[in-house]
Amino acid sequence: MSKSKFDNSAGPSNRILRVGENIRHALSEILSRGEIRDTDLDDVSITVTEVRCSPDLRNATIFVMPLGGINITEVVEALNRNHRYVRGQLSKMVRMKYLPNLKFTSDHSFGEADHIEALLNSSHVAQDLNKDEIE
């Protein structure tokens, strides 16, 4: 049985990861300049945490988080409203044959990390850890 060239069981290729990182760095620079004229983005510091590109590099999902997680839905909606401008600025910074379509979404990994931290610090887990140390 031969392997399909479209089999993604090993995860994204190095090329896709490298393109995603290049886009992430360029987006961080674009957003730090504050050139996007939108009232929801005025005086908001935005962190681009990850860029996931599709295997054909036609679409990119950009995970963002405003500083402190304040007004996250408004910030994501504003970025999606201005995706054409951001894509135009990105085309000046990243050399690709086809620049991917951009879709901004909120990054929930910080909340999940806080939840796991709270679980690890709970009294039930502390009891289990103390049992292992006694034995």
Protein backbone atom coordinates (compact mmCIF):
# COMPACT_ATOMS: atom_id res chain seq x y z
CA MET A 1 0.00 0.00 0.00
CA SER A 2 1.55 3.30 -1.06
CA LYS A 3 1.35 6.49 0.92
CA SER A 4 -0.72 9.30 -0.49
CA LYS A 5 1.06 12.57 -1.07
CA PHE A 6 -1.88 14.25 0.68
CA ASP A 7 -1.49 12.28 3.92
CA ASN A 8 -1.17 14.80 6.79
CA SER A 9 -0.73 12.28 9.60
CA ALA A 10 2.78 13.59 10.29
CA GLY A 11 1.55 17.18 10.63
CA PRO A 12 2.43 20.22 8.58
CA SER A 13 5.60 20.21 6.52
CA ASN A 14 8.60 22.37 7.33
CA ARG A 15 7.76 24.60 4.38
CA ILE A 16 4.25 25.30 5.66
CA LEU A 17 5.60 26.03 9.15
CA ARG A 18 8.28 28.34 7.74
CA VAL A 19 5.75 30.27 5.65
CA GLY A 20 3.48 30.60 8.68
CA GLU A 21 6.32 32.00 10.78
CA ASN A 22 7.28 34.50 8.06
CA ILE A 23 3.68 35.69 7.88
CA ARG A 24 3.48 35.91 11.68
CA HIS A 25 6.58 38.10 11.90
CA ALA A 26 5.35 40.38 9.11
CA LEU A 27 1.88 40.67 10.67
CA SER A 28 3.40 41.53 14.04
CA GLU A 29 5.32 44.37 12.41
CA ILE A 30 2.23 45.62 10.53
CA LEU A 31 0.09 45.60 13.68
CA SER A 32 2.80 47.26 15.80
CA ARG A 33 2.95 50.21 13.40
CA GLY A 34 -0.72 50.97 14.08
CA GLU A 35 -1.55 51.97 10.50
CA ILE A 36 -4.95 50.27 10.44
CA ARG A 37 -7.59 52.98 10.71
CA ASP A 38 -10.33 51.40 12.81
CA THR A 39 -11.77 52.71 16.07
CA ASP A 40 -11.78 49.21 17.58
CA LEU A 41 -8.02 48.93 16.97
CA ASP A 42 -7.00 52.36 18.31
CA ASP A 43 -4.45 52.05 21.12
CA VAL A 44 -4.74 48.25 21.24
CA SER A 45 -1.61 46.14 21.48
CA ILE A 46 -2.20 42.89 19.58
CA THR A 47 -0.10 39.73 19.83
CA VAL A 48 -0.01 37.35 16.88
CA THR A 49 0.49 34.00 18.57
CA GLU A 50 0.30 31.62 15.62
CA VAL A 51 -0.37 31.44 11.89
CA ARG A 52 -1.67 28.16 10.50
CA CYS A 53 -1.52 27.82 6.73
CA SER A 54 -3.51 25.32 4.71
CA PRO A 55 -1.45 22.66 2.88
CA ASP A 56 -1.96 24.46 -0.45
CA LEU A 57 -0.92 27.82 1.16
CA ARG A 58 -4.12 29.48 -0.11
CA ASN A 59 -5.65 30.16 3.33
CA ALA A 60 -4.13 31.23 6.62
CA THR A 61 -5.77 31.30 10.03
CA ILE A 62 -4.18 33.91 12.27
CA PHE A 63 -4.54 33.51 16.03
CA VAL A 64 -4.41 36.86 17.83
CA MET A 65 -4.80 38.08 21.39
CA PRO A 66 -5.09 41.71 22.49
CA LEU A 67 -3.04 42.68 25.51
CA GLY A 68 -4.92 41.57 28.62
CA GLY A 69 -7.59 39.82 26.51
CA ILE A 70 -9.79 42.92 26.68
CA ASN A 71 -12.42 43.40 23.92
CA ILE A 72 -11.20 40.33 22.07
CA THR A 73 -14.33 39.89 19.94
CA GLU A 74 -14.29 43.51 18.79
CA VAL A 75 -10.59 43.31 17.92
CA VAL A 76 -11.01 40.09 15.92
CA GLU A 77 -14.02 41.53 14.07
CA ALA A 78 -12.06 44.72 13.28
CA LEU A 79 -9.12 42.71 11.94
CA ASN A 80 -11.44 40.61 9.77
CA ARG A 81 -13.10 43.82 8.47
CA ASN A 82 -9.67 45.17 7.51
CA HIS A 83 -8.21 41.93 6.16
CA ARG A 84 -7.81 43.37 2.64
CA TYR A 85 -5.65 46.24 3.86
CA VAL A 86 -3.58 43.90 6.04
CA ARG A 87 -3.15 41.50 3.11
CA GLY A 88 -2.00 44.38 0.89
CA GLN A 89 0.59 45.45 3.46
CA LEU A 90 1.64 41.83 3.90
CA SER A 91 2.20 41.46 0.16
CA LYS A 92 4.88 44.17 0.35
CA MET A 93 6.76 42.30 3.08
CA VAL A 94 6.43 38.59 2.19
CA ARG A 95 7.42 37.28 -1.23
CA MET A 96 5.08 34.52 -2.30
CA LYS A 97 3.52 33.56 -5.62
CA TYR A 98 0.05 33.63 -4.04
CA LEU A 99 -0.53 35.35 -0.73
CA PRO A 100 -3.02 33.39 1.36
CA ASN A 101 -6.46 34.65 2.29
CA LEU A 102 -6.39 35.81 5.90
CA LYS A 103 -8.87 34.85 8.60
CA PHE A 104 -8.32 36.22 12.09
CA THR A 105 -9.52 34.33 15.16
CA SER A 106 -9.00 34.64 18.89
CA ASP A 107 -6.40 32.49 20.62
CA HIS A 108 -7.80 30.57 23.56
CA SER A 109 -4.56 28.82 24.51
CA PHE A 110 -3.82 31.35 27.28
CA GLY A 111 -7.15 30.58 28.98
CA GLU A 112 -6.56 26.85 28.63
CA ALA A 113 -3.09 27.21 30.16
CA ASP A 114 -4.57 29.11 33.12
CA HIS A 115 -7.19 26.39 33.57
CA ILE A 116 -4.56 23.63 33.57
CA GLU A 117 -2.45 25.63 36.03
CA ALA A 118 -5.45 25.95 38.35
CA LEU A 119 -6.10 22.22 38.11
CA LEU A 120 -2.48 21.38 38.92
CA ASN A 121 -2.57 23.68 41.94
CA SER A 122 -5.85 22.25 43.27
CA SER A 123 -5.95 20.37 46.56
CA HIS A 124 -6.87 17.04 44.90
CA VAL A 125 -3.72 17.02 42.82
CA ALA A 126 -1.62 18.11 45.79
CA GLN A 127 -2.95 15.12 47.76
CA ASP A 128 -1.97 12.75 44.96
CA LEU A 129 1.50 14.25 44.75
CA ASN A 130 1.99 13.94 48.51
CA LYS A 131 0.99 10.25 48.35
CA ASP A 132 3.70 9.60 45.75
CA GLU A 133 6.34 11.33 47.90
CA ILE A 134 5.43 9.28 51.01
CA GLU A 135 5.72 5.93 49.21
